[in-house]
Amino acid sequence: MARPKVRDDVAMVELAAEDLIDETSLSAIKAEGAQLTGTDVRNLAIAQSRLTRVNLAESRLPRLNLTDVELVDCNLSNVKATDGSFRRAAFTKSKLTGINLTGSSLGDIEFVNCLIDFALFDRVSLKQVTFRSCQMRDADFSETILDRVHFIECDLARATFDRVRVVGSEMRHCTMSGLRGLGQLSGIAMEWSDILAHAELFAGELGIRIAGEPGEDGD
């Protein structure tokens, strides 16, 4: 997976909501602590930049384009970023609860220690994406392409995987209680210890009934 290409000499800027209008392009910048909640901007493009503690919660950012961007401790809760394009981006300790990425394309992306509960990945193409130590309860991956996607030590409780396409992807040491669409994950790689730990979930998905002692069923 390719890492974001961000230069060390990027310029520090003071971002304000009024600076962001449709078709805005930001390149080679560093922004810290910007309060941009409720921003409504189409085709915002950010490249070769580093964002720290930037608050974009509740914003509408259709066709958001991120290329070579690092985001640390940022807030993208309930952001609507449909039909976007993310390339070589890293999200660390960021909040993406309820983010809507429907129809977007993500390639060479890493999420580490992020909150991604209730996120919508509906009809999203994920290619070489890693979720590491993320909380992703009730996330929706319906009709998502999982191409070399790695879920590592994530909480996927009640997440939905409906009509997904899996290529070279894996789940390792994840919490999967109440996960929906387990039978749709044909081809996913898991460690044997993880399979055993979730045997009851697999049995339920396959309709397997746990047998009691001989004679308990009236035989």
N, C-alpha and C. Protein backbone atom coordinates (compact mmCIF):
# COMPACT_ATOMS: atom_id res chain seq x y z
N MET A 1 0.84 -1.19 0.00
CA MET A 1 0.00 0.00 0.00
C MET A 1 0.88 1.24 0.00
N ALA A 2 0.61 2.15 -0.93
CA ALA A 2 1.40 3.38 -1.03
C ALA A 2 1.01 4.37 0.06
N ARG A 3 2.00 4.99 0.68
CA ARG A 3 1.77 5.97 1.73
C ARG A 3 1.57 7.36 1.12
N PRO A 4 0.89 8.27 1.85
CA PRO A 4 0.73 9.64 1.36
C PRO A 4 2.08 10.33 1.15
N LYS A 5 2.17 11.09 0.10
CA LYS A 5 3.39 11.82 -0.20
C LYS A 5 3.20 13.28 0.22
N VAL A 6 3.61 13.57 1.46
CA VAL A 6 3.46 14.93 1.99
C VAL A 6 4.84 15.47 2.35
N ARG A 7 5.20 16.61 1.78
CA ARG A 7 6.51 17.20 2.04
C ARG A 7 6.58 17.76 3.46
N ASP A 8 7.77 17.81 4.02
CA ASP A 8 7.96 18.37 5.37
C ASP A 8 7.83 19.88 5.39
N ASP A 9 8.00 20.53 4.25
CA ASP A 9 7.99 21.99 4.21
C ASP A 9 6.65 22.58 3.78
N VAL A 10 5.55 21.84 3.99
CA VAL A 10 4.25 22.37 3.60
C VAL A 10 3.95 23.62 4.43
N ALA A 11 3.24 24.56 3.82
CA ALA A 11 2.98 25.86 4.44
C ALA A 11 1.81 25.79 5.41
N MET A 12 1.97 26.41 6.60
CA MET A 12 0.89 26.50 7.57
C MET A 12 -0.11 27.57 7.11
N VAL A 13 -1.41 27.23 7.11
CA VAL A 13 -2.43 28.19 6.73
C VAL A 13 -3.53 28.21 7.79
N GLU A 14 -4.24 29.34 7.87
CA GLU A 14 -5.40 29.46 8.75
C GLU A 14 -6.65 29.25 7.90
N LEU A 15 -7.27 28.09 8.03
CA LEU A 15 -8.44 27.79 7.22
C LEU A 15 -9.70 28.31 7.91
N ALA A 16 -10.57 28.94 7.14
CA ALA A 16 -11.86 29.39 7.64
C ALA A 16 -12.93 28.95 6.66
N ALA A 17 -14.15 28.78 7.14
CA ALA A 17 -15.23 28.27 6.30
C ALA A 17 -15.44 29.14 5.06
N GLU A 18 -15.27 30.47 5.21
CA GLU A 18 -15.50 31.36 4.06
C GLU A 18 -14.43 31.20 2.97
N ASP A 19 -13.32 30.51 3.32
CA ASP A 19 -12.28 30.28 2.31
C ASP A 19 -12.64 29.13 1.38
N LEU A 20 -13.64 28.34 1.76
CA LEU A 20 -13.98 27.15 0.98
C LEU A 20 -15.24 27.39 0.17
N ILE A 21 -15.08 27.42 -1.13
CA ILE A 21 -16.21 27.56 -2.05
C ILE A 21 -16.14 26.41 -3.06
N ASP A 22 -17.18 26.25 -3.85
CA ASP A 22 -17.20 25.18 -4.85
C ASP A 22 -15.96 25.25 -5.74
N GLU A 23 -15.44 24.07 -6.05
CA GLU A 23 -14.27 23.92 -6.93
C GLU A 23 -12.97 24.40 -6.28
N THR A 24 -12.92 24.53 -4.95
CA THR A 24 -11.69 24.95 -4.27
C THR A 24 -10.65 23.84 -4.33
N SER A 25 -9.39 24.23 -4.59
CA SER A 25 -8.27 23.29 -4.58
C SER A 25 -7.21 23.80 -3.60
N LEU A 26 -6.82 22.93 -2.66
CA LEU A 26 -5.78 23.27 -1.69
C LEU A 26 -4.63 22.29 -1.88
N SER A 27 -3.42 22.81 -1.95
CA SER A 27 -2.27 21.93 -2.19
C SER A 27 -1.08 22.36 -1.34
N ALA A 28 -0.37 21.36 -0.80
CA ALA A 28 0.85 21.59 -0.03
C ALA A 28 0.62 22.55 1.13
N ILE A 29 -0.38 22.22 1.98
CA ILE A 29 -0.66 23.06 3.14
C ILE A 29 -0.65 22.22 4.42
N LYS A 30 -0.54 22.92 5.54
CA LYS A 30 -0.68 22.32 6.85
C LYS A 30 -1.70 23.16 7.61
N ALA A 31 -2.76 22.52 8.13
CA ALA A 31 -3.79 23.25 8.87
C ALA A 31 -4.01 22.56 10.20
N GLU A 32 -4.15 23.37 11.27
CA GLU A 32 -4.36 22.82 12.60
C GLU A 32 -5.51 23.56 13.29
N GLY A 33 -6.41 22.78 13.89
CA GLY A 33 -7.46 23.36 14.72
C GLY A 33 -8.53 24.14 14.01
N ALA A 34 -8.64 24.01 12.71
CA ALA A 34 -9.66 24.77 11.96
C ALA A 34 -11.06 24.26 12.30
N GLN A 35 -11.99 25.18 12.53
CA GLN A 35 -13.38 24.85 12.82
C GLN A 35 -14.22 25.11 11.58
N LEU A 36 -14.56 24.03 10.88
CA LEU A 36 -15.23 24.14 9.58
C LEU A 36 -16.54 23.37 9.57
N THR A 37 -17.20 23.27 10.71
CA THR A 37 -18.42 22.48 10.80
C THR A 37 -19.51 23.05 9.89
N GLY A 38 -20.27 22.13 9.29
CA GLY A 38 -21.39 22.55 8.46
C GLY A 38 -21.00 23.15 7.13
N THR A 39 -19.77 22.95 6.70
CA THR A 39 -19.32 23.47 5.41
C THR A 39 -20.09 22.79 4.28
N ASP A 40 -20.44 23.54 3.24
CA ASP A 40 -21.16 23.01 2.09
C ASP A 40 -20.40 23.38 0.83
N VAL A 41 -19.59 22.43 0.35
CA VAL A 41 -18.70 22.72 -0.78
C VAL A 41 -18.69 21.53 -1.74
N ARG A 42 -18.86 21.80 -3.01
CA ARG A 42 -18.78 20.77 -4.03
C ARG A 42 -17.39 20.76 -4.66
N ASN A 43 -16.90 19.55 -4.94
CA ASN A 43 -15.63 19.38 -5.64
C ASN A 43 -14.45 20.03 -4.92
N LEU A 44 -14.40 19.87 -3.60
CA LEU A 44 -13.24 20.32 -2.83
C LEU A 44 -12.10 19.34 -3.05
N ALA A 45 -10.93 19.85 -3.42
CA ALA A 45 -9.76 18.99 -3.66
C ALA A 45 -8.63 19.40 -2.72
N ILE A 46 -8.06 18.43 -2.02
CA ILE A 46 -6.94 18.68 -1.12
C ILE A 46 -5.83 17.71 -1.47
N ALA A 47 -4.63 18.23 -1.68
CA ALA A 47 -3.51 17.37 -2.10
C ALA A 47 -2.24 17.71 -1.34
N GLN A 48 -1.43 16.71 -1.11
CA GLN A 48 -0.11 16.85 -0.48
C GLN A 48 -0.16 17.72 0.77
N SER A 49 -1.09 17.40 1.65
CA SER A 49 -1.34 18.27 2.81
C SER A 49 -1.47 17.46 4.09
N ARG A 50 -1.36 18.16 5.22
CA ARG A 50 -1.48 17.53 6.54
C ARG A 50 -2.50 18.33 7.37
N LEU A 51 -3.57 17.66 7.81
CA LEU A 51 -4.62 18.30 8.59
C LEU A 51 -4.62 17.70 9.99
N THR A 52 -4.60 18.57 11.00
CA THR A 52 -4.58 18.13 12.40
C THR A 52 -5.68 18.85 13.17
N ARG A 53 -6.51 18.09 13.85
CA ARG A 53 -7.61 18.63 14.66
C ARG A 53 -8.52 19.56 13.86
N VAL A 54 -8.73 19.24 12.60
CA VAL A 54 -9.66 20.00 11.76
C VAL A 54 -11.06 19.42 11.93
N ASN A 55 -12.02 20.28 12.18
CA ASN A 55 -13.40 19.86 12.46
C ASN A 55 -14.29 20.17 11.26
N LEU A 56 -14.68 19.10 10.56
CA LEU A 56 -15.56 19.25 9.40
C LEU A 56 -16.91 18.58 9.64
N ALA A 57 -17.25 18.33 10.90
CA ALA A 57 -18.48 17.61 11.22
C ALA A 57 -19.70 18.26 10.58
N GLU A 58 -20.66 17.39 10.18
CA GLU A 58 -21.94 17.83 9.62
C GLU A 58 -21.79 18.57 8.29
N SER A 59 -20.66 18.42 7.61
CA SER A 59 -20.46 19.13 6.34
C SER A 59 -20.98 18.32 5.15
N ARG A 60 -21.31 19.04 4.09
CA ARG A 60 -21.68 18.43 2.81
C ARG A 60 -20.54 18.67 1.84
N LEU A 61 -19.87 17.57 1.46
CA LEU A 61 -18.69 17.69 0.60
C LEU A 61 -18.77 16.70 -0.57
N PRO A 62 -19.81 16.80 -1.40
CA PRO A 62 -19.90 15.87 -2.53
C PRO A 62 -18.71 16.01 -3.47
N ARG A 63 -18.25 14.86 -3.97
CA ARG A 63 -17.10 14.79 -4.87
C ARG A 63 -15.82 15.31 -4.21
N LEU A 64 -15.68 15.05 -2.93
CA LEU A 64 -14.44 15.40 -2.23
C LEU A 64 -13.29 14.60 -2.81
N ASN A 65 -12.18 15.27 -3.06
CA ASN A 65 -11.00 14.62 -3.64
C ASN A 65 -9.81 14.81 -2.71
N LEU A 66 -9.33 13.72 -2.14
CA LEU A 66 -8.14 13.75 -1.28
C LEU A 66 -7.03 12.96 -1.95
N THR A 67 -5.87 13.57 -2.13
CA THR A 67 -4.72 12.89 -2.72
C THR A 67 -3.47 13.24 -1.91
N ASP A 68 -2.82 12.21 -1.38
CA ASP A 68 -1.62 12.42 -0.57
C ASP A 68 -1.92 13.36 0.61
N VAL A 69 -2.83 12.93 1.47
CA VAL A 69 -3.25 13.74 2.61
C VAL A 69 -3.17 12.93 3.89
N GLU A 70 -2.64 13.55 4.95
CA GLU A 70 -2.62 12.94 6.28
C GLU A 70 -3.60 13.71 7.16
N LEU A 71 -4.50 12.97 7.85
CA LEU A 71 -5.47 13.59 8.74
C LEU A 71 -5.30 12.98 10.13
N VAL A 72 -4.99 13.82 11.11
CA VAL A 72 -4.74 13.36 12.47
C VAL A 72 -5.71 14.05 13.43
N ASP A 73 -6.43 13.26 14.21
CA ASP A 73 -7.35 13.79 15.23
C ASP A 73 -8.36 14.75 14.61
N CYS A 74 -8.85 14.41 13.42
CA CYS A 74 -9.83 15.25 12.74
C CYS A 74 -11.25 14.73 13.00
N ASN A 75 -12.23 15.59 12.81
CA ASN A 75 -13.63 15.22 13.02
C ASN A 75 -14.39 15.34 11.70
N LEU A 76 -14.78 14.18 11.17
CA LEU A 76 -15.59 14.13 9.94
C LEU A 76 -16.92 13.44 10.21
N SER A 77 -17.43 13.59 11.43
CA SER A 77 -18.69 12.95 11.79
C SER A 77 -19.83 13.49 10.94
N ASN A 78 -20.64 12.56 10.42
CA ASN A 78 -21.84 12.89 9.65
C ASN A 78 -21.53 13.74 8.42
N VAL A 79 -20.31 13.63 7.92
CA VAL A 79 -19.97 14.31 6.67
C VAL A 79 -20.58 13.53 5.50
N LYS A 80 -21.16 14.25 4.56
CA LYS A 80 -21.68 13.62 3.35
C LYS A 80 -20.68 13.85 2.23
N ALA A 81 -19.88 12.82 1.95
CA ALA A 81 -18.82 12.93 0.94
C ALA A 81 -19.06 11.90 -0.15
N THR A 82 -20.26 11.95 -0.73
CA THR A 82 -20.62 10.97 -1.76
C THR A 82 -19.87 11.21 -3.06
N ASP A 83 -19.66 10.12 -3.80
CA ASP A 83 -19.02 10.18 -5.12
C ASP A 83 -17.65 10.83 -5.08
N GLY A 84 -16.93 10.62 -3.99
CA GLY A 84 -15.61 11.21 -3.84
C GLY A 84 -14.50 10.30 -4.34
N SER A 85 -13.28 10.79 -4.24
CA SER A 85 -12.11 10.03 -4.65
C SER A 85 -10.99 10.28 -3.65
N PHE A 86 -10.56 9.21 -2.96
CA PHE A 86 -9.48 9.32 -1.99
C PHE A 86 -8.32 8.46 -2.48
N ARG A 87 -7.13 9.05 -2.57
CA ARG A 87 -5.94 8.33 -3.02
C ARG A 87 -4.77 8.64 -2.11
N ARG A 88 -4.15 7.61 -1.60
CA ARG A 88 -2.98 7.74 -0.72
C ARG A 88 -3.28 8.74 0.42
N ALA A 89 -4.18 8.32 1.31
CA ALA A 89 -4.54 9.14 2.47
C ALA A 89 -4.45 8.29 3.73
N ALA A 90 -4.11 8.94 4.84
CA ALA A 90 -4.00 8.25 6.13
C ALA A 90 -4.82 9.00 7.17
N PHE A 91 -5.76 8.29 7.81
CA PHE A 91 -6.59 8.85 8.86
C PHE A 91 -6.13 8.24 10.19
N THR A 92 -5.74 9.07 11.15
CA THR A 92 -5.25 8.58 12.44
C THR A 92 -6.02 9.24 13.58
N LYS A 93 -6.54 8.42 14.49
CA LYS A 93 -7.27 8.92 15.67
C LYS A 93 -8.34 9.95 15.27
N SER A 94 -9.01 9.68 14.19
CA SER A 94 -10.03 10.61 13.71
C SER A 94 -11.43 10.05 13.88
N LYS A 95 -12.41 10.94 13.91
CA LYS A 95 -13.80 10.55 14.12
C LYS A 95 -14.56 10.68 12.81
N LEU A 96 -15.06 9.53 12.33
CA LEU A 96 -15.81 9.50 11.08
C LEU A 96 -17.19 8.87 11.29
N THR A 97 -17.72 8.99 12.50
CA THR A 97 -19.01 8.41 12.83
C THR A 97 -20.10 8.96 11.90
N GLY A 98 -20.82 8.05 11.24
CA GLY A 98 -21.91 8.44 10.37
C GLY A 98 -21.50 9.05 9.05
N ILE A 99 -20.23 8.98 8.68
CA ILE A 99 -19.80 9.54 7.39
C ILE A 99 -20.48 8.78 6.25
N ASN A 100 -20.85 9.49 5.21
CA ASN A 100 -21.51 8.89 4.05
C ASN A 100 -20.58 8.99 2.85
N LEU A 101 -20.04 7.82 2.45
CA LEU A 101 -19.10 7.77 1.33
C LEU A 101 -19.71 7.06 0.12
N THR A 102 -21.03 7.01 0.06
CA THR A 102 -21.72 6.29 -1.00
C THR A 102 -21.18 6.66 -2.38
N GLY A 103 -20.86 5.64 -3.17
CA GLY A 103 -20.41 5.87 -4.54
C GLY A 103 -18.99 6.34 -4.69
N SER A 104 -18.23 6.37 -3.61
CA SER A 104 -16.86 6.88 -3.67
C SER A 104 -15.86 5.78 -4.03
N SER A 105 -14.64 6.21 -4.33
CA SER A 105 -13.56 5.30 -4.66
C SER A 105 -12.37 5.61 -3.76
N LEU A 106 -11.89 4.59 -3.03
CA LEU A 106 -10.78 4.76 -2.09
C LEU A 106 -9.65 3.80 -2.46
N GLY A 107 -8.46 4.33 -2.64
CA GLY A 107 -7.32 3.50 -2.97
C GLY A 107 -6.08 3.89 -2.19
N ASP A 108 -5.39 2.89 -1.62
CA ASP A 108 -4.20 3.13 -0.81
C ASP A 108 -4.52 4.05 0.37
N ILE A 109 -5.46 3.60 1.20
CA ILE A 109 -5.94 4.37 2.34
C ILE A 109 -5.72 3.56 3.62
N GLU A 110 -5.34 4.27 4.70
CA GLU A 110 -5.18 3.61 5.99
C GLU A 110 -5.97 4.38 7.05
N PHE A 111 -6.76 3.64 7.84
CA PHE A 111 -7.48 4.19 8.97
C PHE A 111 -6.91 3.53 10.22
N VAL A 112 -6.41 4.30 11.16
CA VAL A 112 -5.80 3.75 12.38
C VAL A 112 -6.43 4.41 13.60
N ASN A 113 -6.93 3.59 14.51
CA ASN A 113 -7.53 4.09 15.76
C ASN A 113 -8.61 5.14 15.50
N CYS A 114 -9.48 4.85 14.54
CA CYS A 114 -10.54 5.79 14.18
C CYS A 114 -11.91 5.27 14.64
N LEU A 115 -12.83 6.21 14.88
CA LEU A 115 -14.22 5.87 15.17
C LEU A 115 -15.00 6.00 13.87
N ILE A 116 -15.56 4.86 13.39
CA ILE A 116 -16.23 4.85 12.09
C ILE A 116 -17.61 4.19 12.22
N ASP A 117 -18.21 4.29 13.40
CA ASP A 117 -19.53 3.71 13.62
C ASP A 117 -20.55 4.33 12.66
N PHE A 118 -21.52 3.49 12.22
CA PHE A 118 -22.64 3.93 11.39
C PHE A 118 -22.21 4.55 10.06
N ALA A 119 -20.99 4.30 9.63
CA ALA A 119 -20.52 4.85 8.36
C ALA A 119 -21.19 4.12 7.19
N LEU A 120 -21.42 4.85 6.10
CA LEU A 120 -22.00 4.27 4.90
C LEU A 120 -20.92 4.12 3.83
N PHE A 121 -20.60 2.85 3.51
CA PHE A 121 -19.69 2.54 2.41
C PHE A 121 -20.47 1.91 1.26
N ASP A 122 -21.71 2.29 1.11
CA ASP A 122 -22.59 1.72 0.10
C ASP A 122 -22.07 2.00 -1.31
N ARG A 123 -21.90 0.91 -2.07
CA ARG A 123 -21.41 1.01 -3.45
C ARG A 123 -20.07 1.74 -3.55
N VAL A 124 -19.21 1.50 -2.58
CA VAL A 124 -17.88 2.11 -2.56
C VAL A 124 -16.85 1.09 -3.08
N SER A 125 -15.88 1.57 -3.81
CA SER A 125 -14.76 0.73 -4.24
C SER A 125 -13.59 0.95 -3.28
N LEU A 126 -13.23 -0.09 -2.54
CA LEU A 126 -12.10 -0.03 -1.62
C LEU A 126 -10.97 -0.89 -2.19
N LYS A 127 -9.86 -0.27 -2.51
CA LYS A 127 -8.73 -0.98 -3.10
C LYS A 127 -7.47 -0.68 -2.30
N GLN A 128 -6.89 -1.72 -1.72
CA GLN A 128 -5.72 -1.59 -0.85
C GLN A 128 -6.00 -0.60 0.28
N VAL A 129 -6.97 -0.97 1.09
CA VAL A 129 -7.38 -0.16 2.23
C VAL A 129 -7.20 -0.97 3.51
N THR A 130 -6.65 -0.34 4.55
CA THR A 130 -6.46 -1.01 5.83
C THR A 130 -7.21 -0.27 6.92
N PHE A 131 -8.00 -1.02 7.68
CA PHE A 131 -8.65 -0.51 8.88
C PHE A 131 -7.95 -1.19 10.05
N ARG A 132 -7.27 -0.43 10.89
CA ARG A 132 -6.49 -1.01 11.98
C ARG A 132 -6.95 -0.41 13.32
N SER A 133 -7.39 -1.29 14.22
CA SER A 133 -7.83 -0.86 15.56
C SER A 133 -8.90 0.23 15.48
N CYS A 134 -9.87 0.02 14.60
CA CYS A 134 -10.95 0.99 14.43
C CYS A 134 -12.26 0.44 15.00
N GLN A 135 -13.09 1.33 15.50
CA GLN A 135 -14.43 0.96 15.95
C GLN A 135 -15.39 1.26 14.80
N MET A 136 -16.04 0.19 14.29
CA MET A 136 -16.85 0.31 13.08
C MET A 136 -18.22 -0.32 13.29
N ARG A 137 -18.78 -0.14 14.47
CA ARG A 137 -20.07 -0.74 14.77
C ARG A 137 -21.16 -0.18 13.86
N ASP A 138 -22.00 -1.09 13.34
CA ASP A 138 -23.15 -0.73 12.50
C ASP A 138 -22.74 -0.06 11.18
N ALA A 139 -21.50 -0.20 10.77
CA ALA A 139 -21.09 0.32 9.46
C ALA A 139 -21.76 -0.50 8.36
N ASP A 140 -22.05 0.13 7.24
CA ASP A 140 -22.77 -0.52 6.14
C ASP A 140 -21.87 -0.60 4.91
N PHE A 141 -21.54 -1.84 4.53
CA PHE A 141 -20.69 -2.09 3.36
C PHE A 141 -21.50 -2.71 2.22
N SER A 142 -22.76 -2.37 2.09
CA SER A 142 -23.60 -2.96 1.05
C SER A 142 -23.07 -2.67 -0.36
N GLU A 143 -22.98 -3.72 -1.17
CA GLU A 143 -22.55 -3.63 -2.56
C GLU A 143 -21.16 -2.99 -2.71
N THR A 144 -20.33 -3.21 -1.71
CA THR A 144 -18.97 -2.65 -1.71
C THR A 144 -17.99 -3.62 -2.34
N ILE A 145 -17.01 -3.09 -3.04
CA ILE A 145 -15.92 -3.90 -3.58
C ILE A 145 -14.78 -3.88 -2.56
N LEU A 146 -14.44 -5.05 -2.03
CA LEU A 146 -13.34 -5.17 -1.07
C LEU A 146 -12.15 -5.80 -1.80
N ASP A 147 -11.28 -4.97 -2.32
CA ASP A 147 -10.13 -5.43 -3.09
C ASP A 147 -8.86 -5.18 -2.27
N ARG A 148 -8.34 -6.27 -1.69
CA ARG A 148 -7.16 -6.19 -0.81
C ARG A 148 -7.41 -5.23 0.36
N VAL A 149 -8.52 -5.48 1.02
CA VAL A 149 -8.91 -4.70 2.21
C VAL A 149 -8.60 -5.52 3.45
N HIS A 150 -7.98 -4.89 4.44
CA HIS A 150 -7.57 -5.57 5.66
C HIS A 150 -8.25 -4.94 6.87
N PHE A 151 -9.03 -5.75 7.58
CA PHE A 151 -9.63 -5.34 8.85
C PHE A 151 -8.81 -5.99 9.96
N ILE A 152 -8.09 -5.20 10.73
CA ILE A 152 -7.19 -5.73 11.75
C ILE A 152 -7.57 -5.17 13.11
N GLU A 153 -7.95 -6.06 14.02
CA GLU A 153 -8.31 -5.69 15.39
C GLU A 153 -9.37 -4.59 15.42
N CYS A 154 -10.40 -4.76 14.59
CA CYS A 154 -11.48 -3.78 14.52
C CYS A 154 -12.74 -4.32 15.18
N ASP A 155 -13.59 -3.42 15.63
CA ASP A 155 -14.89 -3.78 16.18
C ASP A 155 -15.92 -3.63 15.07
N LEU A 156 -16.36 -4.78 14.52
CA LEU A 156 -17.32 -4.79 13.42
C LEU A 156 -18.70 -5.25 13.89
N ALA A 157 -18.99 -5.06 15.15
CA ALA A 157 -20.29 -5.50 15.68
C ALA A 157 -21.43 -4.89 14.88
N ARG A 158 -22.33 -5.76 14.43
CA ARG A 158 -23.54 -5.37 13.70
C ARG A 158 -23.26 -4.69 12.37
N ALA A 159 -22.03 -4.77 11.88
CA ALA A 159 -21.73 -4.22 10.55
C ALA A 159 -22.45 -5.06 9.49
N THR A 160 -22.78 -4.44 8.36
CA THR A 160 -23.50 -5.11 7.29
C THR A 160 -22.62 -5.30 6.06
N PHE A 161 -22.54 -6.53 5.58
CA PHE A 161 -21.81 -6.85 4.35
C PHE A 161 -22.79 -7.54 3.40
N ASP A 162 -23.53 -6.75 2.67
CA ASP A 162 -24.58 -7.28 1.80
C ASP A 162 -24.17 -7.10 0.33
N ARG A 163 -24.15 -8.21 -0.40
CA ARG A 163 -23.81 -8.20 -1.83
C ARG A 163 -22.43 -7.57 -2.08
N VAL A 164 -21.46 -7.91 -1.25
CA VAL A 164 -20.10 -7.41 -1.43
C VAL A 164 -19.33 -8.31 -2.39
N ARG A 165 -18.26 -7.76 -2.95
CA ARG A 165 -17.35 -8.55 -3.78
C ARG A 165 -15.99 -8.53 -3.11
N VAL A 166 -15.45 -9.71 -2.83
CA VAL A 166 -14.23 -9.83 -2.04
C VAL A 166 -13.08 -10.35 -2.92
N VAL A 167 -11.97 -9.61 -2.91
CA VAL A 167 -10.77 -10.03 -3.63
C VAL A 167 -9.56 -9.82 -2.73
N GLY A 168 -8.89 -10.90 -2.35
CA GLY A 168 -7.64 -10.80 -1.59
C GLY A 168 -7.74 -10.03 -0.30
N SER A 169 -8.86 -10.13 0.40
CA SER A 169 -9.08 -9.35 1.62
C SER A 169 -9.07 -10.26 2.85
N GLU A 170 -8.92 -9.66 4.04
CA GLU A 170 -8.85 -10.48 5.25
C GLU A 170 -9.37 -9.72 6.46
N MET A 171 -9.78 -10.50 7.47
CA MET A 171 -10.16 -9.99 8.79
C MET A 171 -9.32 -10.71 9.82
N ARG A 172 -8.67 -9.96 10.70
CA ARG A 172 -7.83 -10.55 11.73
C ARG A 172 -8.18 -9.98 13.10
N HIS A 173 -8.52 -10.86 14.03
CA HIS A 173 -8.75 -10.48 15.43
C HIS A 173 -9.79 -9.37 15.56
N CYS A 174 -10.87 -9.50 14.81
CA CYS A 174 -11.95 -8.51 14.86
C CYS A 174 -13.11 -8.99 15.71
N THR A 175 -13.83 -8.06 16.30
CA THR A 175 -15.09 -8.35 16.97
C THR A 175 -16.18 -8.38 15.91
N MET A 176 -16.94 -9.49 15.87
CA MET A 176 -17.91 -9.67 14.79
C MET A 176 -19.32 -9.98 15.31
N SER A 177 -19.59 -9.72 16.57
CA SER A 177 -20.90 -10.05 17.13
C SER A 177 -22.01 -9.32 16.39
N GLY A 178 -23.02 -10.08 15.96
CA GLY A 178 -24.15 -9.49 15.26
C GLY A 178 -23.85 -9.05 13.85
N LEU A 179 -22.68 -9.42 13.31
CA LEU A 179 -22.34 -9.02 11.94
C LEU A 179 -23.36 -9.58 10.97
N ARG A 180 -23.81 -8.75 10.03
CA ARG A 180 -24.82 -9.15 9.07
C ARG A 180 -24.18 -9.42 7.71
N GLY A 181 -24.62 -10.49 7.05
CA GLY A 181 -24.11 -10.80 5.72
C GLY A 181 -22.83 -11.60 5.72
N LEU A 182 -22.61 -12.35 6.79
CA LEU A 182 -21.39 -13.15 6.87
C LEU A 182 -21.26 -14.09 5.68
N GLY A 183 -22.40 -14.63 5.24
CA GLY A 183 -22.38 -15.54 4.10
C GLY A 183 -22.00 -14.87 2.79
N GLN A 184 -22.03 -13.53 2.75
CA GLN A 184 -21.65 -12.80 1.54
C GLN A 184 -20.14 -12.60 1.42
N LEU A 185 -19.42 -12.95 2.50
CA LEU A 185 -17.98 -12.68 2.53
C LEU A 185 -17.17 -13.86 2.00
N SER A 186 -17.69 -14.51 0.99
CA SER A 186 -16.98 -15.64 0.39
C SER A 186 -15.62 -15.19 -0.14
N GLY A 187 -14.57 -15.86 0.30
CA GLY A 187 -13.22 -15.52 -0.14
C GLY A 187 -12.43 -14.71 0.87
N ILE A 188 -13.09 -14.26 1.95
CA ILE A 188 -12.36 -13.50 2.96
C ILE A 188 -11.40 -14.43 3.70
N ALA A 189 -10.22 -13.96 4.04
CA ALA A 189 -9.24 -14.78 4.77
C ALA A 189 -9.33 -14.44 6.25
N MET A 190 -9.33 -15.49 7.08
CA MET A 190 -9.35 -15.32 8.53
C MET A 190 -8.43 -16.35 9.16
N GLU A 191 -7.88 -16.00 10.32
CA GLU A 191 -7.07 -16.96 11.06
C GLU A 191 -7.98 -18.01 11.69
N TRP A 192 -7.46 -19.23 11.85
CA TRP A 192 -8.26 -20.31 12.39
C TRP A 192 -8.78 -19.97 13.79
N SER A 193 -7.97 -19.31 14.59
CA SER A 193 -8.40 -18.95 15.94
C SER A 193 -9.59 -18.00 15.90
N ASP A 194 -9.64 -17.11 14.91
CA ASP A 194 -10.78 -16.20 14.78
C ASP A 194 -12.04 -16.95 14.36
N ILE A 195 -11.88 -17.93 13.48
CA ILE A 195 -13.02 -18.73 13.05
C ILE A 195 -13.62 -19.48 14.24
N LEU A 196 -12.75 -20.08 15.05
CA LEU A 196 -13.23 -20.81 16.22
C LEU A 196 -13.91 -19.87 17.22
N ALA A 197 -13.35 -18.69 17.39
CA ALA A 197 -13.91 -17.74 18.36
C ALA A 197 -15.31 -17.29 17.96
N HIS A 198 -15.61 -17.34 16.66
CA HIS A 198 -16.91 -16.91 16.17
C HIS A 198 -17.71 -18.08 15.60
N ALA A 199 -17.46 -19.28 16.12
CA ALA A 199 -18.13 -20.48 15.61
C ALA A 199 -19.64 -20.36 15.68
N GLU A 200 -20.15 -19.80 16.75
CA GLU A 200 -21.60 -19.67 16.90
C GLU A 200 -22.19 -18.76 15.83
N LEU A 201 -21.47 -17.69 15.48
CA LEU A 201 -21.92 -16.79 14.43
C LEU A 201 -21.96 -17.49 13.08
N PHE A 202 -20.91 -18.27 12.78
CA PHE A 202 -20.87 -19.02 11.53
C PHE A 202 -21.98 -20.05 11.48
N ALA A 203 -22.20 -20.74 12.60
CA ALA A 203 -23.25 -21.75 12.65
C ALA A 203 -24.62 -21.14 12.40
N GLY A 204 -24.87 -19.98 13.00
CA GLY A 204 -26.14 -19.32 12.79
C GLY A 204 -26.34 -18.91 11.34
N GLU A 205 -25.27 -18.43 10.70
CA GLU A 205 -25.35 -18.01 9.30
C GLU A 205 -25.67 -19.20 8.40
N LEU A 206 -25.13 -20.38 8.75
CA LEU A 206 -25.33 -21.58 7.94
C LEU A 206 -26.57 -22.37 8.34
N GLY A 207 -27.25 -21.89 9.39
CA GLY A 207 -28.43 -22.61 9.84
C GLY A 207 -28.13 -23.89 10.57
N ILE A 208 -26.96 -23.98 11.16
CA ILE A 208 -26.56 -25.19 11.89
C ILE A 208 -27.09 -25.12 13.31
N ARG A 209 -27.74 -26.18 13.74
CA ARG A 209 -28.28 -26.25 15.09
C ARG A 209 -27.30 -26.97 15.99
N ILE A 210 -27.05 -26.42 17.15
CA ILE A 210 -26.12 -27.05 18.08
C ILE A 210 -26.81 -28.24 18.74
N ALA A 211 -26.26 -29.43 18.55
CA ALA A 211 -26.86 -30.65 19.07
C ALA A 211 -26.60 -30.78 20.56
N GLY A 212 -27.58 -31.33 21.29
CA GLY A 212 -27.40 -31.61 22.70
C GLY A 212 -26.90 -33.03 22.90
N GLU A 213 -26.99 -33.50 24.11
CA GLU A 213 -26.59 -34.88 24.39
C GLU A 213 -27.57 -35.83 23.72
N PRO A 214 -27.11 -37.04 23.38
CA PRO A 214 -27.99 -38.02 22.79
C PRO A 214 -29.25 -38.20 23.62
N GLY A 215 -30.38 -38.15 22.95
CA GLY A 215 -31.65 -38.32 23.65
C GLY A 215 -32.32 -37.03 24.04
N GLU A 216 -31.60 -35.92 24.02
CA GLU A 216 -32.20 -34.65 24.45
C GLU A 216 -33.25 -34.14 23.48
N ASP A 217 -33.16 -34.58 22.21
CA ASP A 217 -34.13 -34.14 21.22
C ASP A 217 -35.29 -35.12 21.10
N GLY A 218 -35.39 -36.03 22.06
CA GLY A 218 -36.51 -36.96 22.05
C GLY A 218 -36.22 -38.24 21.32
N ASP A 219 -34.93 -38.46 20.94
CA ASP A 219 -34.58 -39.69 20.24
C ASP A 219 -34.48 -40.86 21.20
